[in-house]
Amino acid sequence: MRARAPSSAEPSSSAGIVDAVRFFGSRRVAGRAGRPSGQHDGADGSGTPQGDLDDQELRDRIETLLLRVTGNPRTAPGQPRHDPRVVPAPLSRDRVAAWLERSGFAYFTDSDGDLGGLWHGRLFYFLVLGDRDEVLQVRGQWHREATIERLEELLEACNEWNAEHIWPKTYTRVRDDGSVVVCADTTVDVEHGVTDDQLDQLLQCGLSTGSMFFDHLEDEYPDPLRAAP
């Protein structure tokens, strides 16, 4: 099941509508009350009197203003410009890397262009997936390995966790040499974009919940796991 990140565009749009209404409303009132005697407002600044805006024209102007603020390509020239602090912007590896740098995390970029780093001694990857780079995944791997004889009980531990927790999804992998590794990932579809705050929350969620699961395994398996039971 994919969890969709909540959008913050609606609250921003509502605030924009209020501001736009105040802008147009105050313009019409102030234009009359604050105008020096003998002067008239004009649509082009020429002094030609301008008639009052009817409701439809007012709505059209407000809609045009809002579309320009949000960077709609139908009203703004060139590529739409989003402020990711306010308006959800497309996900990208560059944005994830910028978050890692702002957070002071040491990270690397592998041969496939994926970002990774160590968090409390465990390896985590920060992946941007999907046909349109619309899926964010934080994938962690437990730093300990187990023998193949431990596979069944580790699978049971993963299933129990998945039944009781939303995040992360946990599972095992068997390597060619027969060793077993345990993984955890948090995957979120952000098709409609994500703000900086939302991206921060999602990345922190992937790291913290993955670490919680690995801490749980540490409590369950304090032995080295290299020896068969």
Protein backbone atom coordinates (compact mmCIF):
# COMPACT_ATOMS: atom_id res chain seq x y z
CA MET A 1 0.00 0.00 0.00
CA ARG A 2 1.35 3.42 -0.90
CA ALA A 3 1.01 6.27 1.48
CA ARG A 4 0.40 9.54 -0.22
CA ALA A 5 2.06 12.60 1.26
CA PRO A 6 -0.43 15.28 2.28
CA SER A 7 -0.45 18.37 0.10
CA SER A 8 -0.12 21.83 1.55
CA ALA A 9 -1.24 23.55 -1.64
CA GLU A 10 -4.88 23.97 -0.51
CA PRO A 11 -4.18 26.04 2.60
CA SER A 12 -1.82 28.25 0.61
CA SER A 13 -4.45 28.71 -2.13
CA SER A 14 -7.10 29.67 0.43
CA ALA A 15 -4.80 32.27 1.94
CA GLY A 16 -4.05 33.53 -1.56
CA ILE A 17 -7.77 33.94 -2.32
CA VAL A 18 -8.30 35.95 0.86
CA ASP A 19 -5.31 38.16 0.05
CA ALA A 20 -6.49 38.59 -3.52
CA VAL A 21 -9.99 39.61 -2.42
CA ARG A 22 -8.53 42.10 0.04
CA PHE A 23 -6.24 43.42 -2.67
CA PHE A 24 -9.00 44.06 -5.19
CA GLY A 25 -11.47 45.24 -2.57
CA SER A 26 -9.10 47.71 -0.93
CA ARG A 27 -8.07 48.99 -4.35
CA ARG A 28 -11.61 49.94 -5.25
CA VAL A 29 -12.38 51.61 -1.93
CA ALA A 30 -9.05 53.37 -1.51
CA GLY A 31 -9.18 54.52 -5.11
CA ARG A 32 -12.17 56.68 -4.23
CA ALA A 33 -11.53 57.68 -0.62
CA GLY A 34 -7.82 58.40 -0.98
CA ARG A 35 -7.90 60.07 -4.41
CA PRO A 36 -7.16 63.81 -4.43
CA SER A 37 -10.01 65.99 -5.63
CA GLY A 38 -10.21 66.33 -9.38
CA GLN A 39 -8.27 63.11 -10.14
CA HIS A 40 -9.73 59.89 -11.52
CA ASP A 41 -8.39 56.33 -11.68
CA GLY A 42 -7.81 54.98 -15.14
CA ALA A 43 -7.13 51.49 -16.47
CA ASP A 44 -3.98 52.72 -18.20
CA GLY A 45 -3.02 55.56 -15.86
CA SER A 46 -4.20 58.17 -18.35
CA GLY A 47 -6.81 59.67 -16.03
CA THR A 48 -9.72 58.13 -17.95
CA PRO A 49 -12.41 57.01 -15.48
CA GLN A 50 -12.65 53.22 -15.07
CA GLY A 51 -15.96 51.56 -14.35
CA ASP A 52 -16.45 49.31 -11.33
CA LEU A 53 -15.51 45.67 -11.86
CA ASP A 54 -18.43 43.28 -12.07
CA ASP A 55 -18.33 39.97 -10.14
CA GLN A 56 -17.22 37.85 -13.10
CA GLU A 57 -14.35 40.17 -14.00
CA LEU A 58 -13.27 40.27 -10.36
CA ARG A 59 -13.25 36.46 -10.17
CA ASP A 60 -11.28 36.24 -13.41
CA ARG A 61 -8.63 38.62 -12.09
CA ILE A 62 -8.36 36.74 -8.80
CA GLU A 63 -8.00 33.42 -10.64
CA THR A 64 -5.33 34.87 -12.90
CA LEU A 65 -3.42 36.17 -9.89
CA LEU A 66 -3.57 32.81 -8.12
CA LEU A 67 -2.42 30.91 -11.20
CA ARG A 68 0.56 33.21 -11.54
CA VAL A 69 1.46 32.80 -7.88
CA THR A 70 1.42 29.00 -8.14
CA GLY A 71 3.37 29.05 -11.41
CA ASN A 72 0.70 27.51 -13.66
CA PRO A 73 2.30 27.06 -17.11
CA ARG A 74 -0.83 28.41 -18.83
CA THR A 75 -0.31 31.87 -17.36
CA ALA A 76 3.40 32.03 -16.53
CA PRO A 77 6.04 32.16 -19.29
CA GLY A 78 8.66 29.43 -19.43
CA GLN A 79 8.93 26.69 -16.83
CA PRO A 80 6.67 27.08 -13.77
CA ARG A 81 8.51 28.29 -10.71
CA HIS A 82 7.60 26.78 -7.36
CA ASP A 83 8.80 27.83 -3.95
CA PRO A 84 9.20 24.42 -2.23
CA ARG A 85 8.95 26.09 1.15
CA VAL A 86 5.30 26.89 0.41
CA VAL A 87 4.11 25.05 -2.70
CA PRO A 88 4.67 21.30 -3.33
CA ALA A 89 7.44 20.90 -5.90
CA PRO A 90 8.54 17.80 -7.86
CA LEU A 91 10.73 15.29 -6.07
CA SER A 92 14.36 15.01 -7.22
CA ARG A 93 17.68 13.54 -6.11
CA ASP A 94 19.05 17.07 -5.89
CA ARG A 95 16.42 17.98 -3.31
CA VAL A 96 17.23 14.86 -1.27
CA ALA A 97 20.95 15.66 -1.46
CA ALA A 98 20.26 19.23 -0.36
CA TRP A 99 18.34 17.88 2.65
CA LEU A 100 21.24 15.61 3.57
CA GLU A 101 23.65 18.54 3.39
CA ARG A 102 21.41 20.83 5.44
CA SER A 103 21.07 18.09 8.05
CA GLY A 104 24.84 17.64 8.26
CA PHE A 105 24.77 13.99 7.13
CA ALA A 106 27.74 12.45 5.37
CA TYR A 107 26.55 10.64 2.23
CA PHE A 108 27.81 9.13 -1.00
CA THR A 109 26.54 8.66 -4.54
CA ASP A 110 26.91 5.18 -6.03
CA SER A 111 27.48 4.21 -9.66
CA ASP A 112 23.72 4.29 -10.33
CA GLY A 113 23.40 7.81 -9.00
CA ASP A 114 21.62 6.70 -5.81
CA LEU A 115 22.32 8.44 -2.52
CA GLY A 116 23.35 6.49 0.57
CA GLY A 117 24.92 6.87 3.98
CA LEU A 118 25.34 5.38 7.44
CA TRP A 119 22.83 6.11 10.17
CA HIS A 120 23.70 4.72 13.61
CA GLY A 121 25.98 2.22 11.92
CA ARG A 122 23.32 0.97 9.49
CA LEU A 123 23.38 1.54 5.75
CA PHE A 124 20.47 3.56 4.35
CA TYR A 125 19.71 4.50 0.75
CA PHE A 126 17.56 7.46 -0.30
CA LEU A 127 16.00 6.47 -3.60
CA VAL A 128 13.93 8.40 -6.15
CA LEU A 129 11.90 5.88 -8.14
CA GLY A 130 9.06 5.71 -10.65
CA ASP A 131 8.65 6.64 -14.30
CA ARG A 132 8.40 10.33 -13.38
CA ASP A 133 10.58 10.30 -10.24
CA GLU A 134 7.41 10.48 -8.17
CA VAL A 135 8.24 7.83 -5.53
CA LEU A 136 10.48 8.41 -2.52
CA GLN A 137 11.98 5.41 -0.75
CA VAL A 138 14.21 5.28 2.32
CA ARG A 139 15.71 1.79 2.40
CA GLY A 140 17.82 0.50 5.27
CA GLN A 141 19.84 -2.67 5.83
CA TRP A 142 20.70 -4.21 9.17
CA HIS A 143 24.45 -4.15 9.68
CA ARG A 144 24.49 -7.76 10.88
CA GLU A 145 24.12 -10.94 8.82
CA ALA A 146 22.62 -14.30 9.76
CA THR A 147 23.14 -17.85 8.61
CA ILE A 148 20.55 -19.53 6.41
CA GLU A 149 19.38 -21.56 9.41
CA ARG A 150 18.02 -18.33 10.91
CA LEU A 151 15.94 -17.45 7.85
CA GLU A 152 12.61 -18.82 9.07
CA GLU A 153 12.65 -17.06 12.42
CA LEU A 154 13.81 -13.80 10.85
CA LEU A 155 10.94 -14.01 8.37
CA GLU A 156 8.57 -14.49 11.29
CA ALA A 157 10.04 -11.46 13.04
CA CYS A 158 9.51 -9.37 9.89
CA ASN A 159 5.93 -10.58 9.47
CA GLU A 160 5.09 -9.74 13.08
CA TRP A 161 6.50 -6.25 12.68
CA ASN A 162 4.60 -5.66 9.42
CA ALA A 163 1.36 -6.77 11.04
CA GLU A 164 1.71 -4.28 13.89
CA HIS A 165 3.36 -1.27 12.26
CA ILE A 166 2.65 0.91 9.24
CA TRP A 167 6.29 1.75 8.62
CA PRO A 168 8.75 0.48 7.66
CA LYS A 169 8.05 -2.54 5.49
CA THR A 170 10.49 -5.23 6.58
CA TYR A 171 11.82 -8.27 4.70
CA THR A 172 14.84 -10.54 4.27
CA ARG A 173 17.22 -11.26 1.40
CA VAL A 174 19.37 -14.33 0.89
CA ARG A 175 22.71 -13.70 -0.75
CA ASP A 176 24.49 -16.06 -3.12
CA ASP A 177 26.75 -17.27 -0.30
CA GLY A 178 23.74 -18.26 1.81
CA SER A 179 23.97 -15.39 4.29
CA VAL A 180 20.75 -13.60 5.24
CA VAL A 181 20.35 -9.82 5.45
CA VAL A 182 17.34 -8.00 6.85
CA CYS A 183 16.02 -4.85 5.15
CA ALA A 184 13.44 -2.18 5.89
CA ASP A 185 12.02 0.50 3.63
CA THR A 186 9.56 3.36 3.79
CA THR A 187 8.03 4.16 0.40
CA VAL A 188 5.78 7.14 -0.33
CA ASP A 189 4.14 8.28 -3.57
CA VAL A 190 4.53 12.06 -3.95
CA GLU A 191 3.19 12.32 -7.48
CA HIS A 192 1.72 15.77 -6.82
CA GLY A 193 4.91 17.16 -5.35
CA VAL A 194 6.19 17.75 -1.84
CA THR A 195 7.19 20.81 0.17
CA ASP A 196 10.52 21.08 1.97
CA ASP A 197 8.82 20.44 5.31
CA GLN A 198 7.01 17.38 3.98
CA LEU A 199 10.20 16.01 2.45
CA ASP A 200 11.99 16.50 5.77
CA GLN A 201 9.23 14.62 7.61
CA LEU A 202 9.24 11.72 5.14
CA LEU A 203 13.01 11.28 5.21
CA GLN A 204 13.10 11.53 9.00
CA CYS A 205 10.26 9.00 9.18
CA GLY A 206 12.16 6.53 7.00
CA LEU A 207 15.31 6.83 9.08
CA SER A 208 13.67 6.75 12.50
CA THR A 209 11.23 3.91 11.88
CA GLY A 210 13.91 1.83 10.15
CA SER A 211 16.21 2.35 13.11
CA MET A 212 13.40 1.36 15.49
CA PHE A 213 13.02 -1.96 13.68
CA PHE A 214 16.75 -2.66 13.69
CA ASP A 215 16.89 -1.80 17.40
CA HIS A 216 14.09 -4.32 17.90
CA LEU A 217 16.18 -6.98 16.13
CA GLU A 218 19.15 -6.13 18.35
CA ASP A 219 17.00 -6.81 21.40
CA GLU A 220 15.68 -10.08 19.95
CA TYR A 221 19.04 -11.36 18.72
CA PRO A 222 21.89 -10.27 20.98
CA ASP A 223 24.05 -13.19 19.77
CA PRO A 224 26.31 -12.76 16.72
CA LEU A 225 23.91 -14.79 14.50
CA ARG A 226 26.88 -16.24 12.65
CA ALA A 227 26.56 -19.52 14.55
CA ALA A 228 23.78 -21.96 13.71
CA PRO A 229 21.20 -22.41 16.52
